[in-house]
PDB file of all heavy atoms in Angstrom:
ATOM      1  N   THR A   1     -14.765   5.279   6.311  1.00  0.00           N
ATOM      2  CA  THR A   1     -14.418   6.360   5.422  1.00  0.00           C
ATOM      3  C   THR A   1     -12.940   6.198   4.913  1.00  0.00           C
ATOM      4  O   THR A   1     -12.536   7.058   4.108  1.00  0.00           O
ATOM      5  CB  THR A   1     -14.499   7.719   6.141  1.00  0.00           C
ATOM      6  OG1 THR A   1     -13.587   7.752   7.257  1.00  0.00           O
ATOM      7  CG2 THR A   1     -15.944   8.065   6.597  1.00  0.00           C
ATOM      8  N   ALA A   2     -12.315   5.136   5.269  1.00  0.00           N
ATOM      9  CA  ALA A   2     -10.987   4.997   4.824  1.00  0.00           C
ATOM     10  C   ALA A   2     -10.900   4.845   3.267  1.00  0.00           C
ATOM     11  O   ALA A   2     -11.724   4.154   2.693  1.00  0.00           O
ATOM     12  CB  ALA A   2     -10.339   3.686   5.469  1.00  0.00           C
ATOM     13  N   ASN A   3      -9.961   5.558   2.641  1.00  0.00           N
ATOM     14  CA  ASN A   3      -9.900   5.534   1.165  1.00  0.00           C
ATOM     15  C   ASN A   3      -9.111   4.285   0.766  1.00  0.00           C
ATOM     16  O   ASN A   3      -7.843   4.405   0.481  1.00  0.00           O
ATOM     17  CB  ASN A   3      -9.246   6.798   0.697  1.00  0.00           C
ATOM     18  CG  ASN A   3      -9.253   6.952  -0.781  1.00  0.00           C
ATOM     19  OD1 ASN A   3      -9.567   5.935  -1.555  1.00  0.00           O
ATOM     20  ND2 ASN A   3      -8.965   8.094  -1.305  1.00  0.00           N
ATOM     21  N   VAL A   4      -9.717   3.139   0.765  1.00  0.00           N
ATOM     22  CA  VAL A   4      -8.981   1.933   0.481  1.00  0.00           C
ATOM     23  C   VAL A   4      -8.456   1.850  -0.950  1.00  0.00           C
ATOM     24  O   VAL A   4      -7.434   1.158  -1.209  1.00  0.00           O
ATOM     25  CB  VAL A   4      -9.913   0.608   0.804  1.00  0.00           C
ATOM     26  CG1 VAL A   4     -10.166   0.535   2.303  1.00  0.00           C
ATOM     27  CG2 VAL A   4     -11.197   0.663  -0.036  1.00  0.00           C
ATOM     28  N   GLU A   5      -9.099   2.554  -1.843  1.00  0.00           N
ATOM     29  CA  GLU A   5      -8.616   2.636  -3.220  1.00  0.00           C
ATOM     30  C   GLU A   5      -7.204   3.220  -3.293  1.00  0.00           C
ATOM     31  O   GLU A   5      -6.382   2.802  -4.057  1.00  0.00           O
ATOM     32  CB  GLU A   5      -9.590   3.424  -4.106  1.00  0.00           C
ATOM     33  CG  GLU A   5     -10.901   2.678  -4.342  1.00  0.00           C
ATOM     34  CD  GLU A   5     -10.750   1.358  -5.024  1.00  0.00           C
ATOM     35  OE1 GLU A   5      -9.842   1.255  -5.860  1.00  0.00           O
ATOM     36  OE2 GLU A   5     -11.470   0.407  -4.658  1.00  0.00           O
ATOM     37  N   ARG A   6      -7.035   4.223  -2.468  1.00  0.00           N
ATOM     38  CA  ARG A   6      -5.725   4.851  -2.379  1.00  0.00           C
ATOM     39  C   ARG A   6      -4.667   3.839  -1.913  1.00  0.00           C
ATOM     40  O   ARG A   6      -3.517   3.868  -2.402  1.00  0.00           O
ATOM     41  CB  ARG A   6      -5.745   6.117  -1.438  1.00  0.00           C
ATOM     42  CG  ARG A   6      -4.456   6.824  -1.345  1.00  0.00           C
ATOM     43  CD  ARG A   6      -4.719   8.054  -0.419  1.00  0.00           C
ATOM     44  NE  ARG A   6      -3.423   8.760  -0.105  1.00  0.00           N
ATOM     45  CZ  ARG A   6      -3.268   9.663   0.795  1.00  0.00           C
ATOM     46  NH1 ARG A   6      -4.407  10.062   1.519  1.00  0.00           N
ATOM     47  NH2 ARG A   6      -2.107  10.263   0.946  1.00  0.00           N
ATOM     48  N   TYR A   7      -5.034   3.079  -0.915  1.00  0.00           N
ATOM     49  CA  TYR A   7      -4.140   2.011  -0.404  1.00  0.00           C
ATOM     50  C   TYR A   7      -3.762   0.981  -1.498  1.00  0.00           C
ATOM     51  O   TYR A   7      -2.633   0.717  -1.678  1.00  0.00           O
ATOM     52  CB  TYR A   7      -4.715   1.349   0.792  1.00  0.00           C
ATOM     53  CG  TYR A   7      -3.934   0.102   1.234  1.00  0.00           C
ATOM     54  CD1 TYR A   7      -2.688   0.270   1.824  1.00  0.00           C
ATOM     55  CD2 TYR A   7      -4.415  -1.163   1.009  1.00  0.00           C
ATOM     56  CE1 TYR A   7      -1.963  -0.856   2.226  1.00  0.00           C
ATOM     57  CE2 TYR A   7      -3.682  -2.289   1.431  1.00  0.00           C
ATOM     58  CZ  TYR A   7      -2.487  -2.131   2.022  1.00  0.00           C
ATOM     59  OH  TYR A   7      -1.780  -3.259   2.360  1.00  0.00           O
ATOM     60  N   LEU A   8      -4.821   0.506  -2.148  1.00  0.00           N
ATOM     61  CA  LEU A   8      -4.607  -0.466  -3.257  1.00  0.00           C
ATOM     62  C   LEU A   8      -3.771   0.165  -4.365  1.00  0.00           C
ATOM     63  O   LEU A   8      -2.930  -0.592  -4.982  1.00  0.00           O
ATOM     64  CB  LEU A   8      -5.962  -0.920  -3.800  1.00  0.00           C
ATOM     65  CG  LEU A   8      -6.832  -1.692  -2.809  1.00  0.00           C
ATOM     66  CD1 LEU A   8      -8.155  -2.046  -3.455  1.00  0.00           C
ATOM     67  CD2 LEU A   8      -6.090  -2.981  -2.330  1.00  0.00           C
ATOM     68  N   GLN A   9      -3.944   1.417  -4.669  1.00  0.00           N
ATOM     69  CA  GLN A   9      -3.077   2.107  -5.644  1.00  0.00           C
ATOM     70  C   GLN A   9      -1.667   2.087  -5.241  1.00  0.00           C
ATOM     71  O   GLN A   9      -0.733   1.902  -6.113  1.00  0.00           O
ATOM     72  CB  GLN A   9      -3.643   3.489  -6.002  1.00  0.00           C
ATOM     73  CG  GLN A   9      -4.960   3.553  -6.745  1.00  0.00           C
ATOM     74  CD  GLN A   9      -5.555   4.942  -6.823  1.00  0.00           C
ATOM     75  OE1 GLN A   9      -4.887   5.923  -6.329  1.00  0.00           O
ATOM     76  NE2 GLN A   9      -6.771   5.082  -7.370  1.00  0.00           N
ATOM     77  N   SER A  10      -1.407   2.318  -3.980  1.00  0.00           N
ATOM     78  CA  SER A  10      -0.046   2.340  -3.469  1.00  0.00           C
ATOM     79  C   SER A  10       0.567   0.940  -3.686  1.00  0.00           C
ATOM     80  O   SER A  10       1.847   0.893  -3.960  1.00  0.00           O
ATOM     81  CB  SER A  10       0.029   2.748  -2.057  1.00  0.00           C
ATOM     82  OG  SER A  10      -0.458   1.758  -1.165  1.00  0.00           O
ATOM     83  N   LEU A  11      -0.134  -0.078  -3.493  1.00  0.00           N
ATOM     84  CA  LEU A  11       0.354  -1.417  -3.716  1.00  0.00           C
ATOM     85  C   LEU A  11       0.742  -1.623  -5.265  1.00  0.00           C
ATOM     86  O   LEU A  11       1.682  -2.229  -5.548  1.00  0.00           O
ATOM     87  CB  LEU A  11      -0.666  -2.490  -3.216  1.00  0.00           C
ATOM     88  CG  LEU A  11      -1.037  -2.609  -1.829  1.00  0.00           C
ATOM     89  CD1 LEU A  11      -1.965  -3.748  -1.567  1.00  0.00           C
ATOM     90  CD2 LEU A  11       0.204  -2.800  -0.937  1.00  0.00           C
ATOM     91  N   GLU A  12      -0.134  -1.203  -6.100  1.00  0.00           N
ATOM     92  CA  GLU A  12       0.141  -1.261  -7.556  1.00  0.00           C
ATOM     93  C   GLU A  12       1.399  -0.581  -7.898  1.00  0.00           C
ATOM     94  O   GLU A  12       2.237  -1.096  -8.693  1.00  0.00           O
ATOM     95  CB  GLU A  12      -0.973  -0.694  -8.328  1.00  0.00           C
ATOM     96  CG  GLU A  12      -2.321  -1.523  -8.260  1.00  0.00           C
ATOM     97  CD  GLU A  12      -3.471  -0.832  -8.931  1.00  0.00           C
ATOM     98  OE1 GLU A  12      -3.230   0.204  -9.538  1.00  0.00           O
ATOM     99  OE2 GLU A  12      -4.595  -1.391  -8.880  1.00  0.00           O
ATOM    100  N   VAL A  13       1.635   0.582  -7.321  1.00  0.00           N
ATOM    101  CA  VAL A  13       2.947   1.297  -7.561  1.00  0.00           C
ATOM    102  C   VAL A  13       4.110   0.479  -7.048  1.00  0.00           C
ATOM    103  O   VAL A  13       5.080   0.359  -7.761  1.00  0.00           O
ATOM    104  CB  VAL A  13       2.916   2.708  -6.874  1.00  0.00           C
ATOM    105  CG1 VAL A  13       4.306   3.368  -6.931  1.00  0.00           C
ATOM    106  CG2 VAL A  13       1.809   3.583  -7.453  1.00  0.00           C
ATOM    107  N   GLU A  14       3.959  -0.055  -5.866  1.00  0.00           N
ATOM    108  CA  GLU A  14       5.031  -0.903  -5.312  1.00  0.00           C
ATOM    109  C   GLU A  14       5.332  -2.105  -6.249  1.00  0.00           C
ATOM    110  O   GLU A  14       6.532  -2.524  -6.493  1.00  0.00           O
ATOM    111  CB  GLU A  14       4.652  -1.441  -3.944  1.00  0.00           C
ATOM    112  CG  GLU A  14       4.727  -0.364  -2.854  1.00  0.00           C
ATOM    113  CD  GLU A  14       4.255  -0.807  -1.551  1.00  0.00           C
ATOM    114  OE1 GLU A  14       3.865  -2.029  -1.474  1.00  0.00           O
ATOM    115  OE2 GLU A  14       4.315  -0.070  -0.528  1.00  0.00           O
ATOM    116  N   GLU A  15       4.259  -2.736  -6.803  1.00  0.00           N
ATOM    117  CA  GLU A  15       4.500  -3.912  -7.654  1.00  0.00           C
ATOM    118  C   GLU A  15       5.217  -3.594  -8.892  1.00  0.00           C
ATOM    119  O   GLU A  15       5.741  -4.532  -9.555  1.00  0.00           O
ATOM    120  CB  GLU A  15       3.100  -4.537  -7.948  1.00  0.00           C
ATOM    121  CG  GLU A  15       2.472  -5.156  -6.687  1.00  0.00           C
ATOM    122  CD  GLU A  15       3.231  -6.375  -6.173  1.00  0.00           C
ATOM    123  OE1 GLU A  15       3.872  -7.089  -6.960  1.00  0.00           O
ATOM    124  OE2 GLU A  15       3.112  -6.616  -4.982  1.00  0.00           O
ATOM    125  N   THR A  16       5.258  -2.340  -9.346  1.00  0.00           N
ATOM    126  CA  THR A  16       5.879  -2.007 -10.634  1.00  0.00           C
ATOM    127  C   THR A  16       7.351  -1.865 -10.437  1.00  0.00           C
ATOM    128  O   THR A  16       8.094  -1.798 -11.432  1.00  0.00           O
ATOM    129  CB  THR A  16       5.292  -0.700 -11.199  1.00  0.00           C
ATOM    130  OG1 THR A  16       5.570   0.377 -10.308  1.00  0.00           O
ATOM    131  CG2 THR A  16       3.760  -0.814 -11.423  1.00  0.00           C
ATOM    132  N   VAL A  17       7.847  -1.799  -9.237  1.00  0.00           N
ATOM    133  CA  VAL A  17       9.252  -1.596  -8.878  1.00  0.00           C
ATOM    134  C   VAL A  17       9.725  -2.894  -8.270  1.00  0.00           C
ATOM    135  O   VAL A  17       9.259  -3.184  -7.162  1.00  0.00           O
ATOM    136  CB  VAL A  17       9.530  -0.411  -7.981  1.00  0.00           C
ATOM    137  CG1 VAL A  17      11.039  -0.124  -7.821  1.00  0.00           C
ATOM    138  CG2 VAL A  17       8.877   0.854  -8.647  1.00  0.00           C
ATOM    139  N   GLU A  18      10.616  -3.527  -8.886  1.00  0.00           N
ATOM    140  CA  GLU A  18      11.074  -4.870  -8.440  1.00  0.00           C
ATOM    141  C   GLU A  18      11.484  -4.900  -7.021  1.00  0.00           C
ATOM    142  O   GLU A  18      11.082  -5.778  -6.228  1.00  0.00           O
ATOM    143  CB  GLU A  18      12.229  -5.313  -9.323  1.00  0.00           C
ATOM    144  CG  GLU A  18      12.807  -6.691  -8.971  1.00  0.00           C
ATOM    145  CD  GLU A  18      11.838  -7.835  -9.240  1.00  0.00           C
ATOM    146  OE1 GLU A  18      11.003  -7.667 -10.166  1.00  0.00           O
ATOM    147  OE2 GLU A  18      11.859  -8.873  -8.524  1.00  0.00           O
ATOM    148  N   GLU A  19      12.352  -3.863  -6.535  1.00  0.00           N
ATOM    149  CA  GLU A  19      12.867  -3.925  -5.187  1.00  0.00           C
ATOM    150  C   GLU A  19      11.806  -3.542  -4.148  1.00  0.00           C
ATOM    151  O   GLU A  19      12.047  -3.814  -2.992  1.00  0.00           O
ATOM    152  CB  GLU A  19      14.065  -2.992  -5.062  1.00  0.00           C
ATOM    153  CG  GLU A  19      13.690  -1.602  -5.326  1.00  0.00           C
ATOM    154  CD  GLU A  19      14.066  -1.130  -6.821  1.00  0.00           C
ATOM    155  OE1 GLU A  19      14.040  -2.088  -7.642  1.00  0.00           O
ATOM    156  OE2 GLU A  19      14.336   0.027  -7.032  1.00  0.00           O
ATOM    157  N   ASN A  20      10.557  -3.105  -4.523  1.00  0.00           N
ATOM    158  CA  ASN A  20       9.606  -2.754  -3.557  1.00  0.00           C
ATOM    159  C   ASN A  20       8.605  -3.867  -3.368  1.00  0.00           C
ATOM    160  O   ASN A  20       7.808  -3.813  -2.494  1.00  0.00           O
ATOM    161  CB  ASN A  20       8.778  -1.478  -4.077  1.00  0.00           C
ATOM    162  CG  ASN A  20       9.616  -0.240  -3.892  1.00  0.00           C
ATOM    163  OD1 ASN A  20      10.644  -0.236  -3.245  1.00  0.00           O
ATOM    164  ND2 ASN A  20       9.114   0.780  -4.607  1.00  0.00           N
ATOM    165  N   ARG A  21       8.676  -4.918  -4.185  1.00  0.00           N
ATOM    166  CA  ARG A  21       7.661  -5.937  -4.117  1.00  0.00           C
ATOM    167  C   ARG A  21       7.685  -6.650  -2.758  1.00  0.00           C
ATOM    168  O   ARG A  21       6.629  -7.247  -2.354  1.00  0.00           O
ATOM    169  CB  ARG A  21       7.847  -6.988  -5.269  1.00  0.00           C
ATOM    170  CG  ARG A  21       7.527  -6.388  -6.591  1.00  0.00           C
ATOM    171  CD  ARG A  21       7.691  -7.384  -7.715  1.00  0.00           C
ATOM    172  NE  ARG A  21       7.400  -6.814  -8.952  1.00  0.00           N
ATOM    173  CZ  ARG A  21       7.580  -7.404 -10.152  1.00  0.00           C
ATOM    174  NH1 ARG A  21       8.046  -8.639 -10.186  1.00  0.00           N
ATOM    175  NH2 ARG A  21       7.327  -6.737 -11.322  1.00  0.00           N
ATOM    176  N   LYS A  22       8.849  -6.686  -2.123  1.00  0.00           N
ATOM    177  CA  LYS A  22       8.940  -7.392  -0.874  1.00  0.00           C
ATOM    178  C   LYS A  22       8.558  -6.512   0.320  1.00  0.00           C
ATOM    179  O   LYS A  22       8.586  -6.932   1.519  1.00  0.00           O
ATOM    180  CB  LYS A  22      10.388  -7.890  -0.687  1.00  0.00           C
ATOM    181  CG  LYS A  22      10.745  -8.982  -1.719  1.00  0.00           C
ATOM    182  CD  LYS A  22      12.100  -9.552  -1.461  1.00  0.00           C
ATOM    183  CE  LYS A  22      12.483 -10.676  -2.362  1.00  0.00           C
ATOM    184  NZ  LYS A  22      13.813 -11.205  -2.199  1.00  0.00           N
ATOM    185  N   ASP A  23       8.254  -5.227   0.022  1.00  0.00           N
ATOM    186  CA  ASP A  23       8.043  -4.270   1.079  1.00  0.00           C
ATOM    187  C   ASP A  23       6.601  -3.793   1.126  1.00  0.00           C
ATOM    188  O   ASP A  23       6.345  -2.623   1.294  1.00  0.00           O
ATOM    189  CB  ASP A  23       8.968  -3.111   1.028  1.00  0.00           C
ATOM    190  CG  ASP A  23      10.475  -3.470   1.017  1.00  0.00           C
ATOM    191  OD1 ASP A  23      10.768  -4.474   1.692  1.00  0.00           O
ATOM    192  OD2 ASP A  23      11.330  -2.682   0.564  1.00  0.00           O
ATOM    193  N   ARG A  24       5.678  -4.690   0.959  1.00  0.00           N
ATOM    194  CA  ARG A  24       4.234  -4.313   0.938  1.00  0.00           C
ATOM    195  C   ARG A  24       3.919  -3.704   2.391  1.00  0.00           C
ATOM    196  O   ARG A  24       4.170  -4.325   3.392  1.00  0.00           O
ATOM    197  CB  ARG A  24       3.361  -5.544   0.686  1.00  0.00           C
ATOM    198  CG  ARG A  24       3.586  -6.105  -0.719  1.00  0.00           C
ATOM    199  CD  ARG A  24       2.540  -7.268  -0.951  1.00  0.00           C
ATOM    200  NE  ARG A  24       2.790  -7.907  -2.222  1.00  0.00           N
ATOM    201  CZ  ARG A  24       3.432  -9.142  -2.346  1.00  0.00           C
ATOM    202  NH1 ARG A  24       3.907  -9.690  -1.262  1.00  0.00           N
ATOM    203  NH2 ARG A  24       3.525  -9.643  -3.579  1.00  0.00           N
ATOM    204  N   LEU A  25       3.191  -2.611   2.238  1.00  0.00           N
ATOM    205  CA  LEU A  25       2.744  -1.958   3.499  1.00  0.00           C
ATOM    206  C   LEU A  25       1.536  -2.668   4.044  1.00  0.00           C
ATOM    207  O   LEU A  25       0.554  -2.812   3.397  1.00  0.00           O
ATOM    208  CB  LEU A  25       2.397  -0.456   3.128  1.00  0.00           C
ATOM    209  CG  LEU A  25       1.932   0.364   4.313  1.00  0.00           C
ATOM    210  CD1 LEU A  25       3.024   0.554   5.397  1.00  0.00           C
ATOM    211  CD2 LEU A  25       1.324   1.692   3.822  1.00  0.00           C
ATOM    212  N   PRO A  26       1.609  -3.167   5.333  1.00  0.00           N
ATOM    213  CA  PRO A  26       0.382  -3.828   5.915  1.00  0.00           C
ATOM    214  C   PRO A  26      -0.690  -2.893   5.899  1.00  0.00           C
ATOM    215  O   PRO A  26      -0.600  -1.687   6.262  1.00  0.00           O
ATOM    216  CB  PRO A  26       0.898  -4.183   7.291  1.00  0.00           C
ATOM    217  CG  PRO A  26       2.348  -4.200   7.245  1.00  0.00           C
ATOM    218  CD  PRO A  26       2.769  -3.218   6.231  1.00  0.00           C
ATOM    219  N   PHE A  27      -1.972  -3.342   5.628  1.00  0.00           N
ATOM    220  CA  PHE A  27      -3.110  -2.477   5.562  1.00  0.00           C
ATOM    221  C   PHE A  27      -3.335  -1.986   7.027  1.00  0.00           C
ATOM    222  O   PHE A  27      -3.775  -0.803   7.193  1.00  0.00           O
ATOM    223  CB  PHE A  27      -4.362  -3.229   5.097  1.00  0.00           C
ATOM    224  CG  PHE A  27      -5.575  -2.355   5.085  1.00  0.00           C
ATOM    225  CD1 PHE A  27      -5.653  -1.323   4.221  1.00  0.00           C
ATOM    226  CD2 PHE A  27      -6.593  -2.591   5.956  1.00  0.00           C
ATOM    227  CE1 PHE A  27      -6.838  -0.508   4.231  1.00  0.00           C
ATOM    228  CE2 PHE A  27      -7.761  -1.826   5.973  1.00  0.00           C
ATOM    229  CZ  PHE A  27      -7.856  -0.737   5.064  1.00  0.00           C
ATOM    230  N   LEU A  28      -3.111  -2.813   8.050  1.00  0.00           N
ATOM    231  CA  LEU A  28      -3.367  -2.272   9.452  1.00  0.00           C
ATOM    232  C   LEU A  28      -2.479  -1.075   9.682  1.00  0.00           C
ATOM    233  O   LEU A  28      -2.914  -0.102  10.380  1.00  0.00           O
ATOM    234  CB  LEU A  28      -3.058  -3.419  10.435  1.00  0.00           C
ATOM    235  CG  LEU A  28      -3.180  -3.021  11.908  1.00  0.00           C
ATOM    236  CD1 LEU A  28      -4.644  -2.597  12.213  1.00  0.00           C
ATOM    237  CD2 LEU A  28      -2.833  -4.193  12.785  1.00  0.00           C
ATOM    238  N   LYS A  29      -1.173  -1.154   9.342  1.00  0.00           N
ATOM    239  CA  LYS A  29      -0.253  -0.004   9.496  1.00  0.00           C
ATOM    240  C   LYS A  29      -0.751   1.228   8.698  1.00  0.00           C
ATOM    241  O   LYS A  29      -0.720   2.314   9.267  1.00  0.00           O
ATOM    242  CB  LYS A  29       1.140  -0.398   9.091  1.00  0.00           C
ATOM    243  CG  LYS A  29       2.111   0.689   9.308  1.00  0.00           C
ATOM    244  CD  LYS A  29       3.581   0.078   8.946  1.00  0.00           C
ATOM    245  CE  LYS A  29       4.646   1.159   9.230  1.00  0.00           C
ATOM    246  NZ  LYS A  29       5.999   0.690   8.932  1.00  0.00           N
ATOM    247  N   TRP A  30      -1.174   1.001   7.483  1.00  0.00           N
ATOM    248  CA  TRP A  30      -1.704   2.135   6.629  1.00  0.00           C
ATOM    249  C   TRP A  30      -2.932   2.685   7.263  1.00  0.00           C
ATOM    250  O   TRP A  30      -3.090   3.982   7.364  1.00  0.00           O
ATOM    251  CB  TRP A  30      -1.972   1.648   5.261  1.00  0.00           C
ATOM    252  CG  TRP A  30      -2.524   2.685   4.358  1.00  0.00           C
ATOM    253  CD1 TRP A  30      -1.805   3.525   3.540  1.00  0.00           C
ATOM    254  CD2 TRP A  30      -3.872   3.031   4.169  1.00  0.00           C
ATOM    255  NE1 TRP A  30      -2.618   4.371   2.835  1.00  0.00           N
ATOM    256  CE2 TRP A  30      -3.888   4.126   3.224  1.00  0.00           C
ATOM    257  CE3 TRP A  30      -5.045   2.587   4.702  1.00  0.00           C
ATOM    258  CZ2 TRP A  30      -5.142   4.753   2.869  1.00  0.00           C
ATOM    259  CZ3 TRP A  30      -6.235   3.238   4.288  1.00  0.00           C
ATOM    260  CH2 TRP A  30      -6.273   4.242   3.344  1.00  0.00           C
ATOM    261  N   LEU A  31      -3.804   1.820   7.802  1.00  0.00           N
ATOM    262  CA  LEU A  31      -5.105   2.260   8.309  1.00  0.00           C
ATOM    263  C   LEU A  31      -4.927   3.190   9.591  1.00  0.00           C
ATOM    264  O   LEU A  31      -5.492   4.284   9.656  1.00  0.00           O
ATOM    265  CB  LEU A  31      -5.935   1.089   8.715  1.00  0.00           C
ATOM    266  CG  LEU A  31      -7.399   1.321   9.160  1.00  0.00           C
ATOM    267  CD1 LEU A  31      -8.238   1.846   8.010  1.00  0.00           C
ATOM    268  CD2 LEU A  31      -7.928   0.016   9.651  1.00  0.00           C
ATOM    269  N   ILE A  32      -4.024   2.742  10.487  1.00  0.00           N
ATOM    270  CA  ILE A  32      -3.759   3.531  11.639  1.00  0.00           C
ATOM    271  C   ILE A  32      -3.146   4.863  11.359  1.00  0.00           C
ATOM    272  O   ILE A  32      -3.369   5.868  12.044  1.00  0.00           O
ATOM    273  CB  ILE A  32      -2.870   2.738  12.631  1.00  0.00           C
ATOM    274  CG1 ILE A  32      -3.724   1.434  13.118  1.00  0.00           C
ATOM    275  CG2 ILE A  32      -2.407   3.564  13.801  1.00  0.00           C
ATOM    276  CD1 ILE A  32      -2.827   0.504  14.053  1.00  0.00           C
ATOM    277  N   GLY A  33      -2.275   4.902  10.252  1.00  0.00           N
ATOM    278  CA  GLY A  33      -1.578   6.177   9.964  1.00  0.00           C
ATOM    279  C   GLY A  33      -2.378   7.109   9.053  1.00  0.00           C
ATOM    280  O   GLY A  33      -2.018   8.244   8.828  1.00  0.00           O
ATOM    281  N   ASN A  34      -3.515   6.591   8.475  1.00  0.00           N
ATOM    282  CA  ASN A  34      -4.282   7.392   7.487  1.00  0.00           C
ATOM    283  C   ASN A  34      -5.731   7.718   7.779  1.00  0.00           C
ATOM    284  O   ASN A  34      -6.402   8.335   7.006  1.00  0.00           O
ATOM    285  CB  ASN A  34      -4.183   6.774   6.086  1.00  0.00           C
ATOM    286  CG  ASN A  34      -2.788   6.846   5.536  1.00  0.00           C
ATOM    287  OD1 ASN A  34      -2.490   7.890   4.842  1.00  0.00           O
ATOM    288  ND2 ASN A  34      -1.980   5.808   5.723  1.00  0.00           N
TER     289      ASN A  34
END
């Protein structure tokens, strides 16, 4: 039931900001927290 689309959208937001590109949230960390 994990909303993986929401996770992928968060990556897209990160990619639009130069300083965030290096700080990709691991999916495992996101999964455990969401």
